[in-house]
Amino acid sequence: MELYARQQFDLMLREAAANYAERCVHRAGGPDAALALLREDPGSAVLGRAEFVAAVLSENLLDSTAGHCFVLEALDRRTLPADPGGPAAQVLGRLAGAALAEVLTIQATQVIGQQQVYA
């Protein structure tokens, strides 16, 4: 991945993680509850991770085959879940969403943890 593209992805990811952390804290009713949910059930309907990931992809114009490939290239070292298959565009979309969701959960957990330390 080109350095400028990596920088763009990292910037988008930091912003998304900060926004997702804030959303988790608000929806869970506090940082302790948010951390517990992120660790125990990151796909919880309370946190709405799937909807958030879809919105991040859409807002950053990454909800296309090329955008999904961009996300997968940026997260090329991540292990992805098994996929049932289907049209390539749909598979790429699911895989990019899964990879982004995983890294977003990890970074949001770190953001909330840092906020607790400095609060």
PDB file of N, CA and C in Angstrom:
ATOM      1  N   MET A   1       0.852  -1.172   0.000  1.00  0.00           N
ATOM      2  CA  MET A   1       0.000   0.000   0.000  1.00  0.00           C
ATOM      3  C   MET A   1       0.897   1.233   0.000  1.00  0.00           C
ATOM      4  N   GLU A   2       0.551   2.169  -0.838  1.00  0.00           N
ATOM      5  CA  GLU A   2       1.304   3.420  -0.925  1.00  0.00           C
ATOM      6  C   GLU A   2       1.208   4.168   0.404  1.00  0.00           C
ATOM      7  N   LEU A   3       2.250   4.908   0.737  1.00  0.00           N
ATOM      8  CA  LEU A   3       2.326   5.609   2.013  1.00  0.00           C
ATOM      9  C   LEU A   3       1.181   6.606   2.191  1.00  0.00           C
ATOM     10  N   TYR A   4       0.845   7.361   1.136  1.00  0.00           N
ATOM     11  CA  TYR A   4      -0.238   8.338   1.249  1.00  0.00           C
ATOM     12  C   TYR A   4      -1.586   7.650   1.501  1.00  0.00           C
ATOM     13  N   ALA A   5      -1.798   6.508   0.887  1.00  0.00           N
ATOM     14  CA  ALA A   5      -3.050   5.766   1.085  1.00  0.00           C
ATOM     15  C   ALA A   5      -3.104   5.212   2.500  1.00  0.00           C
ATOM     16  N   ARG A   6      -1.980   4.730   3.004  1.00  0.00           N
ATOM     17  CA  ARG A   6      -1.908   4.221   4.376  1.00  0.00           C
ATOM     18  C   ARG A   6      -2.221   5.332   5.373  1.00  0.00           C
ATOM     19  N   GLN A   7      -1.687   6.514   5.098  1.00  0.00           N
ATOM     20  CA  GLN A   7      -1.936   7.661   5.966  1.00  0.00           C
ATOM     21  C   GLN A   7      -3.421   8.031   5.958  1.00  0.00           C
ATOM     22  N   GLN A   8      -4.040   8.019   4.805  1.00  0.00           N
ATOM     23  CA  GLN A   8      -5.472   8.320   4.701  1.00  0.00           C
ATOM     24  C   GLN A   8      -6.302   7.296   5.472  1.00  0.00           C
ATOM     25  N   PHE A   9      -5.952   6.018   5.324  1.00  0.00           N
ATOM     26  CA  PHE A   9      -6.686   4.981   6.021  1.00  0.00           C
ATOM     27  C   PHE A   9      -6.528   5.129   7.532  1.00  0.00           C
ATOM     28  N   ASP A  10      -5.300   5.367   7.989  1.00  0.00           N
ATOM     29  CA  ASP A  10      -5.055   5.512   9.424  1.00  0.00           C
ATOM     30  C   ASP A  10      -5.815   6.693  10.009  1.00  0.00           C
ATOM     31  N   LEU A  11      -5.870   7.784   9.284  1.00  0.00           N
ATOM     32  CA  LEU A  11      -6.614   8.957   9.724  1.00  0.00           C
ATOM     33  C   LEU A  11      -8.104   8.639   9.834  1.00  0.00           C
ATOM     34  N   MET A  12      -8.635   7.982   8.817  1.00  0.00           N
ATOM     35  CA  MET A  12     -10.047   7.604   8.848  1.00  0.00           C
ATOM     36  C   MET A  12     -10.339   6.661  10.007  1.00  0.00           C
ATOM     37  N   LEU A  13      -9.434   5.707  10.237  1.00  0.00           N
ATOM     38  CA  LEU A  13      -9.628   4.729  11.294  1.00  0.00           C
ATOM     39  C   LEU A  13      -9.583   5.380  12.677  1.00  0.00           C
ATOM     40  N   ARG A  14      -8.639   6.305  12.899  1.00  0.00           N
ATOM     41  CA  ARG A  14      -8.567   6.996  14.196  1.00  0.00           C
ATOM     42  C   ARG A  14      -9.846   7.771  14.480  1.00  0.00           C
ATOM     43  N   GLU A  15     -10.344   8.472  13.478  1.00  0.00           N
ATOM     44  CA  GLU A  15     -11.572   9.241  13.647  1.00  0.00           C
ATOM     45  C   GLU A  15     -12.762   8.313  13.910  1.00  0.00           C
ATOM     46  N   ALA A  16     -12.838   7.243  13.151  1.00  0.00           N
ATOM     47  CA  ALA A  16     -13.937   6.289  13.328  1.00  0.00           C
ATOM     48  C   ALA A  16     -13.871   5.639  14.706  1.00  0.00           C
ATOM     49  N   ALA A  17     -12.681   5.283  15.159  1.00  0.00           N
ATOM     50  CA  ALA A  17     -12.536   4.651  16.473  1.00  0.00           C
ATOM     51  C   ALA A  17     -12.953   5.599  17.583  1.00  0.00           C
ATOM     52  N   ALA A  18     -12.561   6.860  17.484  1.00  0.00           N
ATOM     53  CA  ALA A  18     -12.951   7.844  18.502  1.00  0.00           C
ATOM     54  C   ALA A  18     -14.466   8.028  18.519  1.00  0.00           C
ATOM     55  N   ASN A  19     -15.063   8.126  17.346  1.00  0.00           N
ATOM     56  CA  ASN A  19     -16.522   8.274  17.272  1.00  0.00           C
ATOM     57  C   ASN A  19     -17.239   7.031  17.778  1.00  0.00           C
ATOM     58  N   TYR A  20     -16.712   5.866  17.438  1.00  0.00           N
ATOM     59  CA  TYR A  20     -17.339   4.622  17.888  1.00  0.00           C
ATOM     60  C   TYR A  20     -17.204   4.468  19.400  1.00  0.00           C
ATOM     61  N   ALA A  21     -16.060   4.845  19.949  1.00  0.00           N
ATOM     62  CA  ALA A  21     -15.876   4.776  21.402  1.00  0.00           C
ATOM     63  C   ALA A  21     -16.888   5.665  22.102  1.00  0.00           C
ATOM     64  N   GLU A  22     -17.072   6.866  21.592  1.00  0.00           N
ATOM     65  CA  GLU A  22     -18.051   7.785  22.185  1.00  0.00           C
ATOM     66  C   GLU A  22     -19.462   7.200  22.099  1.00  0.00           C
ATOM     67  N   ARG A  23     -19.773   6.629  20.965  1.00  0.00           N
ATOM     68  CA  ARG A  23     -21.089   6.007  20.773  1.00  0.00           C
ATOM     69  C   ARG A  23     -21.294   4.853  21.749  1.00  0.00           C
ATOM     70  N   CYS A  24     -20.266   4.021  21.918  1.00  0.00           N
ATOM     71  CA  CYS A  24     -20.362   2.873  22.823  1.00  0.00           C
ATOM     72  C   CYS A  24     -20.579   3.321  24.258  1.00  0.00           C
ATOM     73  N   VAL A  25     -19.831   4.315  24.692  1.00  0.00           N
ATOM     74  CA  VAL A  25     -19.970   4.830  26.056  1.00  0.00           C
ATOM     75  C   VAL A  25     -21.378   5.368  26.268  1.00  0.00           C
ATOM     76  N   HIS A  26     -21.875   6.106  25.300  1.00  0.00           N
ATOM     77  CA  HIS A  26     -23.224   6.679  25.409  1.00  0.00           C
ATOM     78  C   HIS A  26     -24.293   5.583  25.436  1.00  0.00           C
ATOM     79  N   ARG A  27     -24.210   4.655  24.510  1.00  0.00           N
ATOM     80  CA  ARG A  27     -25.235   3.610  24.410  1.00  0.00           C
ATOM     81  C   ARG A  27     -25.200   2.609  25.560  1.00  0.00           C
ATOM     82  N   ALA A  28     -24.003   2.361  26.088  1.00  0.00           N
ATOM     83  CA  ALA A  28     -23.878   1.371  27.164  1.00  0.00           C
ATOM     84  C   ALA A  28     -24.124   1.990  28.539  1.00  0.00           C
ATOM     85  N   GLY A  29     -24.119   3.308  28.624  1.00  0.00           N
ATOM     86  CA  GLY A  29     -24.372   3.960  29.894  1.00  0.00           C
ATOM     87  C   GLY A  29     -23.124   4.185  30.731  1.00  0.00           C
ATOM     88  N   GLY A  30     -21.987   4.312  30.091  1.00  0.00           N
ATOM     89  CA  GLY A  30     -20.750   4.598  30.804  1.00  0.00           C
ATOM     90  C   GLY A  30     -19.590   3.798  30.258  1.00  0.00           C
ATOM     91  N   PRO A  31     -18.366   4.240  30.589  1.00  0.00           N
ATOM     92  CA  PRO A  31     -17.184   3.583  30.032  1.00  0.00           C
ATOM     93  C   PRO A  31     -16.992   2.147  30.511  1.00  0.00           C
ATOM     94  N   ASP A  32     -17.291   1.849  31.764  1.00  0.00           N
ATOM     95  CA  ASP A  32     -17.108   0.484  32.265  1.00  0.00           C
ATOM     96  C   ASP A  32     -18.043  -0.490  31.555  1.00  0.00           C
ATOM     97  N   ALA A  33     -19.290  -0.089  31.414  1.00  0.00           N
ATOM     98  CA  ALA A  33     -20.262  -0.944  30.724  1.00  0.00           C
ATOM     99  C   ALA A  33     -19.893  -1.092  29.249  1.00  0.00           C
ATOM    100  N   ALA A  34     -19.385  -0.009  28.635  1.00  0.00           N
ATOM    101  CA  ALA A  34     -18.993  -0.067  27.224  1.00  0.00           C
ATOM    102  C   ALA A  34     -17.824  -1.027  27.037  1.00  0.00           C
ATOM    103  N   LEU A  35     -16.827  -0.942  27.907  1.00  0.00           N
ATOM    104  CA  LEU A  35     -15.688  -1.860  27.809  1.00  0.00           C
ATOM    105  C   LEU A  35     -16.127  -3.303  27.992  1.00  0.00           C
ATOM    106  N   ALA A  36     -17.014  -3.533  28.948  1.00  0.00           N
ATOM    107  CA  ALA A  36     -17.505  -4.893  29.179  1.00  0.00           C
ATOM    108  C   ALA A  36     -18.216  -5.428  27.935  1.00  0.00           C
ATOM    109  N   LEU A  37     -19.070  -4.613  27.334  1.00  0.00           N
ATOM    110  CA  LEU A  37     -19.786  -5.043  26.122  1.00  0.00           C
ATOM    111  C   LEU A  37     -18.829  -5.266  24.960  1.00  0.00           C
ATOM    112  N   LEU A  38     -17.862  -4.374  24.786  1.00  0.00           N
ATOM    113  CA  LEU A  38     -16.910  -4.522  23.693  1.00  0.00           C
ATOM    114  C   LEU A  38     -16.097  -5.799  23.831  1.00  0.00           C
ATOM    115  N   ARG A  39     -15.796  -6.184  25.059  1.00  0.00           N
ATOM    116  CA  ARG A  39     -14.998  -7.386  25.279  1.00  0.00           C
ATOM    117  C   ARG A  39     -15.831  -8.664  25.212  1.00  0.00           C
ATOM    118  N   GLU A  40     -17.046  -8.606  25.738  1.00  0.00           N
ATOM    119  CA  GLU A  40     -17.881  -9.803  25.823  1.00  0.00           C
ATOM    120  C   GLU A  40     -18.716 -10.047  24.573  1.00  0.00           C
ATOM    121  N   ASP A  41     -19.296  -8.986  24.029  1.00  0.00           N
ATOM    122  CA  ASP A  41     -20.188  -9.126  22.885  1.00  0.00           C
ATOM    123  C   ASP A  41     -20.044  -7.924  21.955  1.00  0.00           C
ATOM    124  N   PRO A  42     -18.938  -7.853  21.202  1.00  0.00           N
ATOM    125  CA  PRO A  42     -18.710  -6.676  20.356  1.00  0.00           C
ATOM    126  C   PRO A  42     -19.773  -6.474  19.267  1.00  0.00           C
ATOM    127  N   GLY A  43     -20.465  -7.526  18.895  1.00  0.00           N
ATOM    128  CA  GLY A  43     -21.507  -7.410  17.889  1.00  0.00           C
ATOM    129  C   GLY A  43     -22.877  -7.108  18.470  1.00  0.00           C
ATOM    130  N   SER A  44     -22.913  -6.735  19.735  1.00  0.00           N
ATOM    131  CA  SER A  44     -24.168  -6.463  20.441  1.00  0.00           C
ATOM    132  C   SER A  44     -25.020  -5.429  19.704  1.00  0.00           C
ATOM    133  N   ALA A  45     -26.316  -5.657  19.727  1.00  0.00           N
ATOM    134  CA  ALA A  45     -27.247  -4.712  19.107  1.00  0.00           C
ATOM    135  C   ALA A  45     -27.209  -3.372  19.832  1.00  0.00           C
ATOM    136  N   VAL A  46     -26.875  -3.386  21.112  1.00  0.00           N
ATOM    137  CA  VAL A  46     -26.785  -2.145  21.882  1.00  0.00           C
ATOM    138  C   VAL A  46     -25.726  -1.228  21.270  1.00  0.00           C
ATOM    139  N   LEU A  47     -24.591  -1.797  20.886  1.00  0.00           N
ATOM    140  CA  LEU A  47     -23.493  -0.995  20.340  1.00  0.00           C
ATOM    141  C   LEU A  47     -23.704  -0.657  18.867  1.00  0.00           C
ATOM    142  N   GLY A  48     -24.401  -1.495  18.140  1.00  0.00           N
ATOM    143  CA  GLY A  48     -24.699  -1.231  16.733  1.00  0.00           C
ATOM    144  C   GLY A  48     -23.460  -1.163  15.852  1.00  0.00           C
ATOM    145  N   ARG A  49     -22.527  -2.083  16.065  1.00  0.00           N
ATOM    146  CA  ARG A  49     -21.267  -2.053  15.327  1.00  0.00           C
ATOM    147  C   ARG A  49     -21.468  -2.234  13.825  1.00  0.00           C
ATOM    148  N   ALA A  50     -22.328  -3.159  13.423  1.00  0.00           N
ATOM    149  CA  ALA A  50     -22.534  -3.422  11.991  1.00  0.00           C
ATOM    150  C   ALA A  50     -23.045  -2.168  11.273  1.00  0.00           C
ATOM    151  N   GLU A  51     -23.992  -1.474  11.881  1.00  0.00           N
ATOM    152  CA  GLU A  51     -24.528  -0.254  11.280  1.00  0.00           C
ATOM    153  C   GLU A  51     -23.465   0.836  11.234  1.00  0.00           C
ATOM    154  N   PHE A  52     -22.654   0.921  12.294  1.00  0.00           N
ATOM    155  CA  PHE A  52     -21.606   1.926  12.342  1.00  0.00           C
ATOM    156  C   PHE A  52     -20.568   1.670  11.259  1.00  0.00           C
ATOM    157  N   VAL A  53     -20.154   0.419  11.094  1.00  0.00           N
ATOM    158  CA  VAL A  53     -19.169   0.075  10.060  1.00  0.00           C
ATOM    159  C   VAL A  53     -19.731   0.403   8.680  1.00  0.00           C
ATOM    160  N   ALA A  54     -20.983   0.073   8.442  1.00  0.00           N
ATOM    161  CA  ALA A  54     -21.601   0.389   7.146  1.00  0.00           C
ATOM    162  C   ALA A  54     -21.617   1.897   6.911  1.00  0.00           C
ATOM    163  N   ALA A  55     -21.904   2.669   7.954  1.00  0.00           N
ATOM    164  CA  ALA A  55     -21.915   4.127   7.819  1.00  0.00           C
ATOM    165  C   ALA A  55     -20.519   4.673   7.558  1.00  0.00           C
ATOM    166  N   VAL A  56     -19.508   4.133   8.231  1.00  0.00           N
ATOM    167  CA  VAL A  56     -18.127   4.576   8.008  1.00  0.00           C
ATOM    168  C   VAL A  56     -17.712   4.294   6.574  1.00  0.00           C
ATOM    169  N   LEU A  57     -18.009   3.111   6.085  1.00  0.00           N
ATOM    170  CA  LEU A  57     -17.670   2.769   4.705  1.00  0.00           C
ATOM    171  C   LEU A  57     -18.377   3.695   3.727  1.00  0.00           C
ATOM    172  N   SER A  58     -19.641   3.954   3.981  1.00  0.00           N
ATOM    173  CA  SER A  58     -20.416   4.815   3.092  1.00  0.00           C
ATOM    174  C   SER A  58     -19.924   6.263   3.129  1.00  0.00           C
ATOM    175  N   GLU A  59     -19.733   6.804   4.332  1.00  0.00           N
ATOM    176  CA  GLU A  59     -19.315   8.196   4.472  1.00  0.00           C
ATOM    177  C   GLU A  59     -17.931   8.453   3.878  1.00  0.00           C
ATOM    178  N   ASN A  60     -17.089   7.444   3.866  1.00  0.00           N
ATOM    179  CA  ASN A  60     -15.742   7.584   3.331  1.00  0.00           C
ATOM    180  C   ASN A  60     -15.631   7.071   1.897  1.00  0.00           C
ATOM    181  N   LEU A  61     -16.787   6.865   1.266  1.00  0.00           N
ATOM    182  CA  LEU A  61     -16.876   6.413  -0.127  1.00  0.00           C
ATOM    183  C   LEU A  61     -16.129   5.107  -0.353  1.00  0.00           C
ATOM    184  N   LEU A  62     -16.207   4.215   0.628  1.00  0.00           N
ATOM    185  CA  LEU A  62     -15.546   2.915   0.550  1.00  0.00           C
ATOM    186  C   LEU A  62     -16.545   1.772   0.410  1.00  0.00           C
ATOM    187  N   ASP A  63     -17.783   2.085   0.097  1.00  0.00           N
ATOM    188  CA  ASP A  63     -18.810   1.057  -0.035  1.00  0.00           C
ATOM    189  C   ASP A  63     -18.950   0.593  -1.483  1.00  0.00           C
ATOM    190  N   SER A  64     -17.806   0.353  -2.104  1.00  0.00           N
ATOM    191  CA  SER A  64     -17.751  -0.162  -3.475  1.00  0.00           C
ATOM    192  C   SER A  64     -16.705  -1.266  -3.500  1.00  0.00           C
ATOM    193  N   THR A  65     -16.624  -1.973  -4.592  1.00  0.00           N
ATOM    194  CA  THR A  65     -15.625  -3.041  -4.698  1.00  0.00           C
ATOM    195  C   THR A  65     -14.216  -2.486  -4.517  1.00  0.00           C
ATOM    196  N   ALA A  66     -13.915  -1.361  -5.142  1.00  0.00           N
ATOM    197  CA  ALA A  66     -12.591  -0.751  -4.997  1.00  0.00           C
ATOM    198  C   ALA A  66     -12.352  -0.308  -3.555  1.00  0.00           C
ATOM    199  N   GLY A  67     -13.381   0.244  -2.923  1.00  0.00           N
ATOM    200  CA  GLY A  67     -13.262   0.664  -1.529  1.00  0.00           C
ATOM    201  C   GLY A  67     -13.038  -0.506  -0.603  1.00  0.00           C
ATOM    202  N   HIS A  68     -13.747  -1.602  -0.855  1.00  0.00           N
ATOM    203  CA  HIS A  68     -13.566  -2.805  -0.039  1.00  0.00           C
ATOM    204  C   HIS A  68     -12.143  -3.342  -0.200  1.00  0.00           C
ATOM    205  N   CYS A  69     -11.632  -3.310  -1.418  1.00  0.00           N
ATOM    206  CA  CYS A  69     -10.250  -3.756  -1.656  1.00  0.00           C
ATOM    207  C   CYS A  69      -9.257  -2.847  -0.935  1.00  0.00           C
ATOM    208  N   PHE A  70      -9.534  -1.547  -0.897  1.00  0.00           N
ATOM    209  CA  PHE A  70      -8.682  -0.594  -0.184  1.00  0.00           C
ATOM    210  C   PHE A  70      -8.620  -0.948   1.307  1.00  0.00           C
ATOM    211  N   VAL A  71      -9.772  -1.237   1.911  1.00  0.00           N
ATOM    212  CA  VAL A  71      -9.824  -1.604   3.326  1.00  0.00           C
ATOM    213  C   VAL A  71      -9.074  -2.912   3.559  1.00  0.00           C
ATOM    214  N   LEU A  72      -9.303  -3.892   2.705  1.00  0.00           N
ATOM    215  CA  LEU A  72      -8.627  -5.185   2.870  1.00  0.00           C
ATOM    216  C   LEU A  72      -7.121  -5.057   2.670  1.00  0.00           C
ATOM    217  N   GLU A  73      -6.699  -4.199   1.769  1.00  0.00           N
ATOM    218  CA  GLU A  73      -5.265  -3.989   1.574  1.00  0.00           C
ATOM    219  C   GLU A  73      -4.655  -3.342   2.815  1.00  0.00           C
ATOM    220  N   ALA A  74      -5.367  -2.399   3.410  1.00  0.00           N
ATOM    221  CA  ALA A  74      -4.868  -1.731   4.611  1.00  0.00           C
ATOM    222  C   ALA A  74      -4.812  -2.685   5.800  1.00  0.00           C
ATOM    223  N   LEU A  75      -5.702  -3.647   5.827  1.00  0.00           N
ATOM    224  CA  LEU A  75      -5.787  -4.595   6.942  1.00  0.00           C
ATOM    225  C   LEU A  75      -5.336  -5.986   6.501  1.00  0.00           C
ATOM    226  N   ASP A  76      -4.331  -6.037   5.659  1.00  0.00           N
ATOM    227  CA  ASP A  76      -3.920  -7.297   5.029  1.00  0.00           C
ATOM    228  C   ASP A  76      -3.366  -8.336   5.997  1.00  0.00           C
ATOM    229  N   ARG A  77      -3.003  -7.956   7.186  1.00  0.00           N
ATOM    230  CA  ARG A  77      -2.451  -8.927   8.140  1.00  0.00           C
ATOM    231  C   ARG A  77      -3.514  -9.513   9.064  1.00  0.00           C
ATOM    232  N   ARG A  78      -4.718  -9.041   8.968  1.00  0.00           N
ATOM    233  CA  ARG A  78      -5.812  -9.535   9.821  1.00  0.00           C
ATOM    234  C   ARG A  78      -6.307 -10.880   9.328  1.00  0.00           C
ATOM    235  N   THR A  79      -6.687 -11.723  10.268  1.00  0.00           N
ATOM    236  CA  THR A  79      -7.327 -12.988   9.929  1.00  0.00           C
ATOM    237  C   THR A  79      -8.818 -12.716   9.824  1.00  0.00           C
ATOM    238  N   LEU A  80      -9.413 -13.171   8.747  1.00  0.00           N
ATOM    239  CA  LEU A  80     -10.820 -12.906   8.497  1.00  0.00           C
ATOM    240  C   LEU A  80     -11.659 -14.143   8.796  1.00  0.00           C
ATOM    241  N   PRO A  81     -12.929 -13.927   9.121  1.00  0.00           N
ATOM    242  CA  PRO A  81     -13.800 -15.076   9.370  1.00  0.00           C
ATOM    243  C   PRO A  81     -14.104 -15.812   8.070  1.00  0.00           C
ATOM    244  N   ALA A  82     -14.521 -17.051   8.205  1.00  0.00           N
ATOM    245  CA  ALA A  82     -14.932 -17.822   7.033  1.00  0.00           C
ATOM    246  C   ALA A  82     -16.123 -17.123   6.390  1.00  0.00           C
ATOM    247  N   ASP A  83     -16.212 -17.224   5.090  1.00  0.00           N
ATOM    248  CA  ASP A  83     -17.296 -16.567   4.369  1.00  0.00           C
ATOM    249  C   ASP A  83     -18.046 -17.606   3.547  1.00  0.00           C
ATOM    250  N   PRO A  84     -19.385 -17.500   3.487  1.00  0.00           N
ATOM    251  CA  PRO A  84     -20.166 -18.491   2.750  1.00  0.00           C
ATOM    252  C   PRO A  84     -20.016 -18.413   1.236  1.00  0.00           C
ATOM    253  N   GLY A  85     -19.361 -17.377   0.742  1.00  0.00           N
ATOM    254  CA  GLY A  85     -19.163 -17.261  -0.699  1.00  0.00           C
ATOM    255  C   GLY A  85     -20.272 -16.478  -1.365  1.00  0.00           C
ATOM    256  N   GLY A  86     -20.246 -16.453  -2.664  1.00  0.00           N
ATOM    257  CA  GLY A  86     -21.218 -15.703  -3.445  1.00  0.00           C
ATOM    258  C   GLY A  86     -20.492 -14.820  -4.435  1.00  0.00           C
ATOM    259  N   PRO A  87     -21.199 -13.834  -4.990  1.00  0.00           N
ATOM    260  CA  PRO A  87     -20.560 -12.922  -5.935  1.00  0.00           C
ATOM    261  C   PRO A  87     -19.358 -12.219  -5.287  1.00  0.00           C
ATOM    262  N   ALA A  88     -18.309 -12.022  -6.070  1.00  0.00           N
ATOM    263  CA  ALA A  88     -17.060 -11.452  -5.548  1.00  0.00           C
ATOM    264  C   ALA A  88     -17.284 -10.120  -4.843  1.00  0.00           C
ATOM    265  N   ALA A  89     -18.102  -9.261  -5.405  1.00  0.00           N
ATOM    266  CA  ALA A  89     -18.338  -7.945  -4.794  1.00  0.00           C
ATOM    267  C   ALA A  89     -18.963  -8.086  -3.407  1.00  0.00           C
ATOM    268  N   GLN A  90     -19.898  -9.017  -3.262  1.00  0.00           N
ATOM    269  CA  GLN A  90     -20.534  -9.219  -1.958  1.00  0.00           C
ATOM    270  C   GLN A  90     -19.564  -9.826  -0.960  1.00  0.00           C
ATOM    271  N   VAL A  91     -18.757 -10.767  -1.399  1.00  0.00           N
ATOM    272  CA  VAL A  91     -17.766 -11.388  -0.517  1.00  0.00           C
ATOM    273  C   VAL A  91     -16.765 -10.337  -0.051  1.00  0.00           C
ATOM    274  N   LEU A  92     -16.269  -9.529  -0.979  1.00  0.00           N
ATOM    275  CA  LEU A  92     -15.330  -8.468  -0.610  1.00  0.00           C
ATOM    276  C   LEU A  92     -15.962  -7.496   0.384  1.00  0.00           C
ATOM    277  N   GLY A  93     -17.220  -7.173   0.181  1.00  0.00           N
ATOM    278  CA  GLY A  93     -17.921  -6.269   1.096  1.00  0.00           C
ATOM    279  C   GLY A  93     -18.026  -6.841   2.492  1.00  0.00           C
ATOM    280  N   ARG A  94     -18.396  -8.109   2.578  1.00  0.00           N
ATOM    281  CA  ARG A  94     -18.512  -8.748   3.902  1.00  0.00           C
ATOM    282  C   ARG A  94     -17.155  -8.849   4.590  1.00  0.00           C
ATOM    283  N   LEU A  95     -16.134  -9.223   3.821  1.00  0.00           N
ATOM    284  CA  LEU A  95     -14.804  -9.359   4.404  1.00  0.00           C
ATOM    285  C   LEU A  95     -14.240  -8.020   4.855  1.00  0.00           C
ATOM    286  N   ALA A  96     -14.420  -6.983   4.044  1.00  0.00           N
ATOM    287  CA  ALA A  96     -13.942  -5.653   4.432  1.00  0.00           C
ATOM    288  C   ALA A  96     -14.671  -5.168   5.676  1.00  0.00           C
ATOM    289  N   GLY A  97     -15.965  -5.393   5.726  1.00  0.00           N
ATOM    290  CA  GLY A  97     -16.740  -5.001   6.904  1.00  0.00           C
ATOM    291  C   GLY A  97     -16.301  -5.740   8.149  1.00  0.00           C
ATOM    292  N   ALA A  98     -16.047  -7.035   8.015  1.00  0.00           N
ATOM    293  CA  ALA A  98     -15.613  -7.837   9.164  1.00  0.00           C
ATOM    294  C   ALA A  98     -14.242  -7.399   9.654  1.00  0.00           C
ATOM    295  N   ALA A  99     -13.331  -7.144   8.737  1.00  0.00           N
ATOM    296  CA  ALA A  99     -11.985  -6.706   9.121  1.00  0.00           C
ATOM    297  C   ALA A  99     -12.032  -5.340   9.788  1.00  0.00           C
ATOM    298  N   LEU A 100     -12.802  -4.418   9.216  1.00  0.00           N
ATOM    299  CA  LEU A 100     -12.919  -3.081   9.793  1.00  0.00           C
ATOM    300  C   LEU A 100     -13.603  -3.137  11.147  1.00  0.00           C
ATOM    301  N   ALA A 101     -14.621  -3.969  11.282  1.00  0.00           N
ATOM    302  CA  ALA A 101     -15.324  -4.088  12.561  1.00  0.00           C
ATOM    303  C   ALA A 101     -14.393  -4.581  13.655  1.00  0.00           C
ATOM    304  N   GLU A 102     -13.554  -5.552  13.335  1.00  0.00           N
ATOM    305  CA  GLU A 102     -12.638  -6.098  14.336  1.00  0.00           C
ATOM    306  C   GLU A 102     -11.634  -5.052  14.792  1.00  0.00           C
ATOM    307  N   VAL A 103     -11.005  -4.373  13.856  1.00  0.00           N
ATOM    308  CA  VAL A 103      -9.997  -3.382  14.230  1.00  0.00           C
ATOM    309  C   VAL A 103     -10.642  -2.174  14.906  1.00  0.00           C
ATOM    310  N   LEU A 104     -11.851  -1.829  14.513  1.00  0.00           N
ATOM    311  CA  LEU A 104     -12.582  -0.734  15.143  1.00  0.00           C
ATOM    312  C   LEU A 104     -12.907  -1.061  16.595  1.00  0.00           C
ATOM    313  N   THR A 105     -13.295  -2.291  16.859  1.00  0.00           N
ATOM    314  CA  THR A 105     -13.574  -2.716  18.228  1.00  0.00           C
ATOM    315  C   THR A 105     -12.322  -2.626  19.094  1.00  0.00           C
ATOM    316  N   ILE A 106     -11.217  -3.091  18.568  1.00  0.00           N
ATOM    317  CA  ILE A 106      -9.953  -3.049  19.317  1.00  0.00           C
ATOM    318  C   ILE A 106      -9.549  -1.609  19.608  1.00  0.00           C
ATOM    319  N   GLN A 107      -9.626  -0.756  18.610  1.00  0.00           N
ATOM    320  CA  GLN A 107      -9.204   0.627  18.814  1.00  0.00           C
ATOM    321  C   GLN A 107     -10.171   1.393  19.707  1.00  0.00           C
ATOM    322  N   ALA A 108     -11.460   1.131  19.597  1.00  0.00           N
ATOM    323  CA  ALA A 108     -12.425   1.802  20.467  1.00  0.00           C
ATOM    324  C   ALA A 108     -12.197   1.395  21.919  1.00  0.00           C
ATOM    325  N   THR A 109     -11.870   0.133  22.151  1.00  0.00           N
ATOM    326  CA  THR A 109     -11.560  -0.343  23.495  1.00  0.00           C
ATOM    327  C   THR A 109     -10.343   0.402  24.035  1.00  0.00           C
ATOM    328  N   GLN A 110      -9.347   0.597  23.200  1.00  0.00           N
ATOM    329  CA  GLN A 110      -8.152   1.330  23.616  1.00  0.00           C
ATOM    330  C   GLN A 110      -8.465   2.791  23.913  1.00  0.00           C
ATOM    331  N   VAL A 111      -9.286   3.422  23.092  1.00  0.00           N
ATOM    332  CA  VAL A 111      -9.658   4.822  23.303  1.00  0.00           C
ATOM    333  C   VAL A 111     -10.390   4.978  24.629  1.00  0.00           C
ATOM    334  N   ILE A 112     -11.350   4.114  24.893  1.00  0.00           N
ATOM    335  CA  ILE A 112     -12.108   4.202  26.145  1.00  0.00           C
ATOM    336  C   ILE A 112     -11.177   3.965  27.332  1.00  0.00           C
ATOM    337  N   GLY A 113     -10.296   2.998  27.219  1.00  0.00           N
ATOM    338  CA  GLY A 113      -9.337   2.729  28.287  1.00  0.00           C
ATOM    339  C   GLY A 113      -8.448   3.926  28.564  1.00  0.00           C
ATOM    340  N   GLN A 114      -7.972   4.584  27.515  1.00  0.00           N
ATOM    341  CA  GLN A 114      -7.137   5.776  27.680  1.00  0.00           C
ATOM    342  C   GLN A 114      -7.921   6.904  28.315  1.00  0.00           C
ATOM    343  N   GLN A 115      -9.173   7.069  27.931  1.00  0.00           N
ATOM    344  CA  GLN A 115     -10.003   8.118  28.508  1.00  0.00           C
ATOM    345  C   GLN A 115     -10.200   7.888  30.007  1.00  0.00           C
ATOM    346  N   GLN A 116     -10.341   6.623  30.397  1.00  0.00           N
ATOM    347  CA  GLN A 116     -10.512   6.308  31.813  1.00  0.00           C
ATOM    348  C   GLN A 116      -9.237   6.628  32.593  1.00  0.00           C
ATOM    349  N   VAL A 117      -8.092   6.368  32.011  1.00  0.00           N
ATOM    350  CA  VAL A 117      -6.825   6.620  32.693  1.00  0.00           C
ATOM    351  C   VAL A 117      -6.630   8.125  32.918  1.00  0.00           C
ATOM    352  N   TYR A 118      -6.972   8.928  31.905  1.00  0.00           N
ATOM    353  CA  TYR A 118      -6.733  10.360  31.977  1.00  0.00           C
ATOM    354  C   TYR A 118      -7.867  11.146  32.614  1.00  0.00           C
ATOM    355  N   ALA A 119      -8.971  10.484  32.927  1.00  0.00           N
ATOM    356  CA  ALA A 119     -10.123  11.183  33.512  1.00  0.00           C
ATOM    357  C   ALA A 119      -9.946  11.426  34.987  1.00  0.00           C
TER     358      ALA A 119
END
